[in-house]
């Protein structure tokens, strides 16, 4: 009568003992690594997901050749995001330049267990009328069309990360932090190849963000994206609120499991060795489904 409960108890105790020693072994293994070895390994394991590790800021960012580039951008990605535990504010700036409709989009908010922001530049193959914007598919720009971006992500007065480089999709993700989108701000600078593109972008910005002042120096425009005037239906607000609850739960769980370490890079290495399935889910920071 008591044999089965006793067997189950013994199995449970054995599992606890095994995981305890496995945990100790993994902690020692990571602590024995040099800083360079950790950075190399972090980049090796995150690049298949389209990301790289920025060690001196302890953040993750997107790579130039990220696989997400093949899937372009459409408004449906933003519509679907809250259903995948991504709650963010966004602004889409459309403008016409050299016979094509371009868009530059800004995002800031919570991506699962990550507080982050993004800026991306895309264009269609032709000029698209405004009533078709939200149904159109835009392609990521080519290497010679990438724009020099500079982005600083702040939570209140605290700087979470700063990156400057030419890119088609520049991102900053601070792992293990949970933030409401309205608590975040993006300081953005974009350098355009000529004054005509800059002028077209200015017109698009006036339509998308009329209350945001622009600072222009030569061909570089700078501004701050903090307040968001997007309106949501009652159902969308419910979905966003529900997703935010789960983001907080997963974030606390991540911090609890990886509590032997303080830096995000070390935490993700610990997760990589200790719970590989959780590691893979942690680095799924995208709105798009991978179909390869």
Protein backbone atom coordinates (compact mmCIF):
# COMPACT_ATOMS: atom_id res chain seq x y z
CA UNK A 1 0.00 0.00 0.00
CA UNK A 2 2.83 2.38 0.88
CA UNK A 3 5.33 1.07 -1.67
CA UNK A 4 4.40 3.42 -4.53
CA UNK A 5 4.46 6.64 -2.42
CA UNK A 6 7.83 5.59 -0.96
CA UNK A 7 9.25 4.91 -4.45
CA UNK A 8 8.00 8.29 -5.69
CA UNK A 9 9.51 10.01 -2.66
CA UNK A 10 12.87 8.33 -3.24
CA UNK A 11 12.82 9.31 -6.92
CA UNK A 12 11.99 12.91 -5.99
CA UNK A 13 14.85 13.02 -3.46
CA UNK A 14 17.27 11.59 -6.00
CA UNK A 15 16.20 14.22 -8.54
CA UNK A 16 16.72 17.01 -5.99
CA UNK A 17 20.19 15.70 -5.14
CA UNK A 18 21.15 15.32 -8.82
CA UNK A 19 19.96 18.84 -9.73
CA UNK A 20 21.72 20.28 -6.68
CA UNK A 21 25.09 18.87 -7.71
CA UNK A 22 24.45 19.75 -11.35
CA UNK A 23 23.77 23.33 -10.28
CA UNK A 24 26.99 23.51 -8.24
CA UNK A 25 28.97 22.07 -11.14
CA UNK A 26 27.55 24.61 -13.62
CA UNK A 27 28.27 27.54 -11.30
CA UNK A 28 31.90 26.42 -10.94
CA UNK A 29 32.21 25.91 -14.69
CA UNK A 30 31.02 29.45 -15.46
CA UNK A 31 33.13 31.03 -12.72
CA UNK A 32 36.25 29.33 -14.11
CA UNK A 33 35.71 30.91 -17.54
CA UNK A 34 37.59 34.07 -18.43
CA UNK A 35 35.66 37.19 -19.44
CA UNK A 36 36.65 36.66 -23.08
CA UNK A 37 35.54 33.02 -23.02
CA UNK A 38 32.13 33.98 -21.65
CA UNK A 39 31.64 36.67 -24.29
CA UNK A 40 32.66 34.33 -27.11
CA UNK A 41 30.30 31.60 -25.91
CA UNK A 42 27.42 34.05 -25.43
CA UNK A 43 27.79 35.28 -29.00
CA UNK A 44 28.06 31.72 -30.34
CA UNK A 45 24.82 30.62 -28.67
CA UNK A 46 22.81 33.83 -29.29
CA UNK A 47 23.70 34.45 -32.96
CA UNK A 48 21.45 31.64 -34.30
CA UNK A 49 18.57 33.59 -32.73
CA UNK A 50 19.66 36.80 -34.50
CA UNK A 51 21.30 38.48 -31.50
CA UNK A 52 24.72 39.33 -30.12
CA UNK A 53 25.99 40.19 -26.65
CA UNK A 54 27.35 43.63 -25.78
CA UNK A 55 29.56 42.74 -22.79
CA UNK A 56 30.48 46.19 -21.51
CA UNK A 57 26.82 47.20 -21.22
CA UNK A 58 25.56 43.70 -20.35
CA UNK A 59 22.80 43.90 -22.96
CA UNK A 60 21.76 41.96 -26.06
CA UNK A 61 21.25 43.46 -29.51
CA UNK A 62 20.33 42.31 -33.02
CA UNK A 63 22.96 41.30 -35.59
CA UNK A 64 23.24 42.79 -39.09
CA UNK A 65 22.56 39.40 -40.70
CA UNK A 66 19.76 38.36 -38.29
CA UNK A 67 17.36 35.83 -39.85
CA UNK A 68 14.45 38.16 -39.04
CA UNK A 69 15.56 40.34 -41.96
CA UNK A 70 14.09 37.87 -44.44
CA UNK A 71 10.55 38.42 -43.13
CA UNK A 72 10.37 42.19 -43.51
CA UNK A 73 7.70 44.12 -41.65
CA UNK A 74 3.94 44.45 -41.70
CA UNK A 75 1.52 46.03 -39.24
CA UNK A 76 0.17 42.57 -38.38
CA UNK A 77 3.35 41.90 -36.37
CA UNK A 78 2.46 44.71 -33.96
CA UNK A 79 -1.15 43.56 -33.73
CA UNK A 80 -0.07 40.03 -32.79
CA UNK A 81 2.72 40.99 -30.37
CA UNK A 82 0.71 41.05 -27.08
CA UNK A 83 -0.43 37.47 -27.73
CA UNK A 84 3.25 36.46 -27.54
CA UNK A 85 3.98 38.27 -24.25
CA UNK A 86 5.36 41.40 -25.90
CA UNK A 87 3.85 44.64 -24.63
CA UNK A 88 5.29 47.78 -26.16
CA UNK A 89 4.53 51.26 -27.44
CA UNK A 90 5.30 51.89 -31.09
CA UNK A 91 5.30 54.64 -33.67
CA UNK A 92 5.46 54.11 -37.43
CA UNK A 93 6.78 56.91 -39.62
CA UNK A 94 5.90 56.58 -43.32
CA UNK A 95 7.42 58.71 -46.07
CA UNK A 96 8.00 58.57 -49.83
CA UNK A 97 11.52 58.77 -51.24
CA UNK A 98 12.93 57.88 -54.68
CA UNK A 99 9.78 56.20 -55.93
CA UNK A 100 9.25 54.01 -52.84
CA UNK A 101 7.34 54.24 -49.60
CA UNK A 102 9.69 53.91 -46.63
CA UNK A 103 8.95 53.39 -42.99
CA UNK A 104 10.99 53.85 -39.85
CA UNK A 105 9.40 52.32 -36.78
CA UNK A 106 10.20 52.78 -33.11
CA UNK A 107 9.34 50.28 -30.36
CA UNK A 108 9.88 50.37 -26.58
CA UNK A 109 8.50 48.13 -23.86
CA UNK A 110 8.53 44.64 -22.44
CA UNK A 111 9.57 41.60 -24.47
CA UNK A 112 8.96 38.57 -22.27
CA UNK A 113 11.59 38.87 -19.55
CA UNK A 114 13.41 41.69 -21.34
CA UNK A 115 12.99 45.44 -21.18
CA UNK A 116 13.99 46.77 -24.57
CA UNK A 117 13.65 49.04 -27.57
CA UNK A 118 14.02 48.77 -31.34
CA UNK A 119 14.34 50.97 -34.39
CA UNK A 120 13.98 49.55 -37.89
CA UNK A 121 14.01 50.90 -41.46
CA UNK A 122 12.10 49.24 -44.31
CA UNK A 123 10.69 50.13 -47.69
CA UNK A 124 8.17 48.84 -50.24
CA UNK A 125 8.97 48.26 -53.90
CA UNK A 126 6.82 51.20 -54.99
CA UNK A 127 4.85 54.16 -53.62
CA UNK A 128 1.93 52.94 -51.51
CA UNK A 129 -1.21 55.02 -50.84
CA UNK A 130 -1.82 55.80 -47.14
CA UNK A 131 -4.94 53.63 -46.97
CA UNK A 132 -2.78 50.58 -47.86
CA UNK A 133 -0.01 51.19 -45.29
CA UNK A 134 -1.27 48.77 -42.68
CA UNK A 135 -1.87 45.90 -45.09
CA UNK A 136 1.37 46.25 -47.08
CA UNK A 137 4.53 44.20 -46.61
CA UNK A 138 7.75 46.20 -46.33
CA UNK A 139 11.21 44.77 -46.95
CA UNK A 140 14.24 45.37 -44.78
CA UNK A 141 16.70 47.70 -46.49
CA UNK A 142 19.81 46.36 -48.19
CA UNK A 143 23.34 46.82 -46.85
CA UNK A 144 23.95 50.01 -48.87
CA UNK A 145 20.61 51.50 -47.74
CA UNK A 146 21.15 51.06 -43.99
CA UNK A 147 21.04 54.24 -41.93
CA UNK A 148 23.41 55.29 -39.13
CA UNK A 149 21.29 54.99 -35.98
CA UNK A 150 22.05 56.11 -32.45
CA UNK A 151 19.69 54.92 -29.72
CA UNK A 152 19.72 55.39 -25.96
CA UNK A 153 17.16 53.53 -23.85
CA UNK A 154 16.23 55.05 -20.50
CA UNK A 155 14.00 53.92 -17.68
CA UNK A 156 13.25 57.14 -15.87
CA UNK A 157 16.66 58.76 -15.42
CA UNK A 158 18.56 55.46 -15.61
CA UNK A 159 20.33 54.60 -18.85
CA UNK A 160 19.81 50.93 -19.74
CA UNK A 161 21.88 50.92 -22.91
CA UNK A 162 23.28 53.00 -25.76
CA UNK A 163 24.27 51.87 -29.26
CA UNK A 164 25.38 53.73 -32.40
CA UNK A 165 25.92 52.00 -35.74
CA UNK A 166 24.53 51.72 -39.27
CA UNK A 167 21.77 49.13 -39.20
CA UNK A 168 18.43 48.05 -40.59
CA UNK A 169 17.10 46.96 -37.15
CA UNK A 170 18.99 48.22 -34.10
CA UNK A 171 17.84 46.86 -30.74
CA UNK A 172 18.65 47.02 -27.03
CA UNK A 173 17.44 44.32 -24.63
CA UNK A 174 18.10 44.38 -20.88
CA UNK A 175 17.40 40.87 -19.61
CA UNK A 176 15.71 40.15 -16.28
CA UNK A 177 14.02 43.55 -15.99
CA UNK A 178 10.29 44.24 -16.21
CA UNK A 179 9.07 47.70 -17.23
CA UNK A 180 5.85 49.30 -18.33
CA UNK A 181 6.25 50.88 -21.78
CA UNK A 182 5.26 54.33 -20.48
CA UNK A 183 8.20 54.28 -18.02
CA UNK A 184 10.69 54.05 -20.91
CA UNK A 185 12.05 56.62 -23.32
CA UNK A 186 14.19 56.38 -26.45
CA UNK A 187 16.67 59.05 -27.45
CA UNK A 188 17.08 58.62 -31.20
CA UNK A 189 19.40 60.10 -33.82
CA UNK A 190 19.25 59.19 -37.51
CA UNK A 191 21.66 60.37 -40.21
CA UNK A 192 20.24 60.45 -43.75
CA UNK A 193 22.21 60.16 -47.00
CA UNK A 194 20.83 63.42 -48.43
CA UNK A 195 18.61 66.37 -47.60
CA UNK A 196 15.72 65.09 -49.72
CA UNK A 197 15.35 61.95 -47.61
CA UNK A 198 15.68 64.01 -44.44
CA UNK A 199 12.94 66.37 -45.63
CA UNK A 200 10.64 63.45 -46.50
CA UNK A 201 11.23 61.94 -43.06
CA UNK A 202 10.41 65.27 -41.40
CA UNK A 203 7.05 65.35 -43.15
CA UNK A 204 6.33 61.77 -42.09
CA UNK A 205 7.28 62.55 -38.49
CA UNK A 206 4.92 65.53 -38.37
CA UNK A 207 2.08 63.22 -39.35
CA UNK A 208 3.01 60.39 -36.96
CA UNK A 209 4.33 62.37 -33.97
CA UNK A 210 3.17 66.00 -34.31
CA UNK A 211 3.98 66.83 -30.68
CA UNK A 212 7.57 65.56 -30.77
CA UNK A 213 10.15 68.32 -31.41
CA UNK A 214 12.97 67.52 -33.84
CA UNK A 215 16.55 68.70 -33.55
CA UNK A 216 18.32 68.85 -36.93
CA UNK A 217 22.03 69.29 -37.53
CA UNK A 218 23.26 68.90 -41.11
CA UNK A 219 21.65 65.59 -42.21
CA UNK A 220 21.12 64.20 -38.70
CA UNK A 221 17.76 64.41 -36.96
CA UNK A 222 17.40 63.78 -33.21
CA UNK A 223 14.31 63.38 -31.04
CA UNK A 224 12.93 61.59 -27.97
CA UNK A 225 10.20 58.97 -28.13
CA UNK A 226 8.58 58.77 -24.70
CA UNK A 227 4.83 59.41 -24.74
CA UNK A 228 2.66 57.29 -26.99
CA UNK A 229 -0.77 58.36 -28.19
CA UNK A 230 -1.83 54.98 -29.62
CA UNK A 231 -5.39 54.09 -28.65
CA UNK A 232 -6.44 50.51 -27.91
CA UNK A 233 -9.80 48.78 -27.78
CA UNK A 234 -11.08 47.33 -24.52
CA UNK A 235 -10.06 43.82 -25.64
CA UNK A 236 -6.57 44.95 -26.66
CA UNK A 237 -6.06 46.68 -23.31
CA UNK A 238 -7.11 43.46 -21.56
CA UNK A 239 -4.69 41.37 -23.64
CA UNK A 240 -1.83 43.81 -23.02
CA UNK A 241 -2.55 43.84 -19.28
CA UNK A 242 -2.77 40.05 -19.13
CA UNK A 243 0.48 39.68 -21.09
CA UNK A 244 2.19 42.15 -18.75
CA UNK A 245 1.20 40.02 -15.76
CA UNK A 246 2.84 36.97 -17.35
CA UNK A 247 5.92 39.01 -18.26
CA UNK A 248 6.34 39.93 -14.59
CA UNK A 249 5.86 36.31 -13.49
CA UNK A 250 8.40 34.99 -16.02
CA UNK A 251 10.84 37.77 -15.13
CA UNK A 252 10.68 36.96 -11.43
CA UNK A 253 11.04 33.25 -12.20
CA UNK A 254 14.09 33.93 -14.39
CA UNK A 255 15.73 36.04 -11.68
CA UNK A 256 14.97 33.37 -9.05
CA UNK A 257 16.38 30.47 -11.08
CA UNK A 258 19.51 32.41 -12.08
CA UNK A 259 20.03 34.07 -8.69
CA UNK A 260 23.61 32.73 -8.27
CA UNK A 261 24.68 35.41 -10.79
CA UNK A 262 24.18 39.16 -11.13
CA UNK A 263 25.10 39.94 -14.76
CA UNK A 264 22.65 39.08 -17.53
CA UNK A 265 25.39 37.40 -19.55
CA UNK A 266 26.25 35.02 -16.72
CA UNK A 267 22.56 34.37 -16.05
CA UNK A 268 21.93 33.33 -19.64
CA UNK A 269 25.00 31.03 -19.61
CA UNK A 270 23.70 29.43 -16.44
CA UNK A 271 20.30 28.92 -18.08
CA UNK A 272 22.00 27.53 -21.21
CA UNK A 273 23.67 24.76 -19.20
CA UNK A 274 21.03 24.22 -16.52
CA UNK A 275 17.72 24.51 -18.44
CA UNK A 276 18.39 24.51 -22.22
CA UNK A 277 14.69 24.64 -23.16
CA UNK A 278 14.20 27.75 -21.01
CA UNK A 279 17.29 29.33 -22.60
CA UNK A 280 15.84 28.88 -26.09
CA UNK A 281 12.55 30.47 -25.08
CA UNK A 282 14.34 33.38 -23.39
CA UNK A 283 16.01 34.47 -26.64
CA UNK A 284 12.83 34.49 -28.71
CA UNK A 285 12.56 38.28 -28.74
CA UNK A 286 10.69 38.70 -32.00
CA UNK A 287 7.19 39.25 -33.29
CA UNK A 288 7.67 37.06 -36.34
CA UNK A 289 7.30 33.29 -36.59
CA UNK A 290 10.35 31.55 -38.02
CA UNK A 291 9.35 29.40 -41.00
CA UNK A 292 12.65 27.91 -42.06
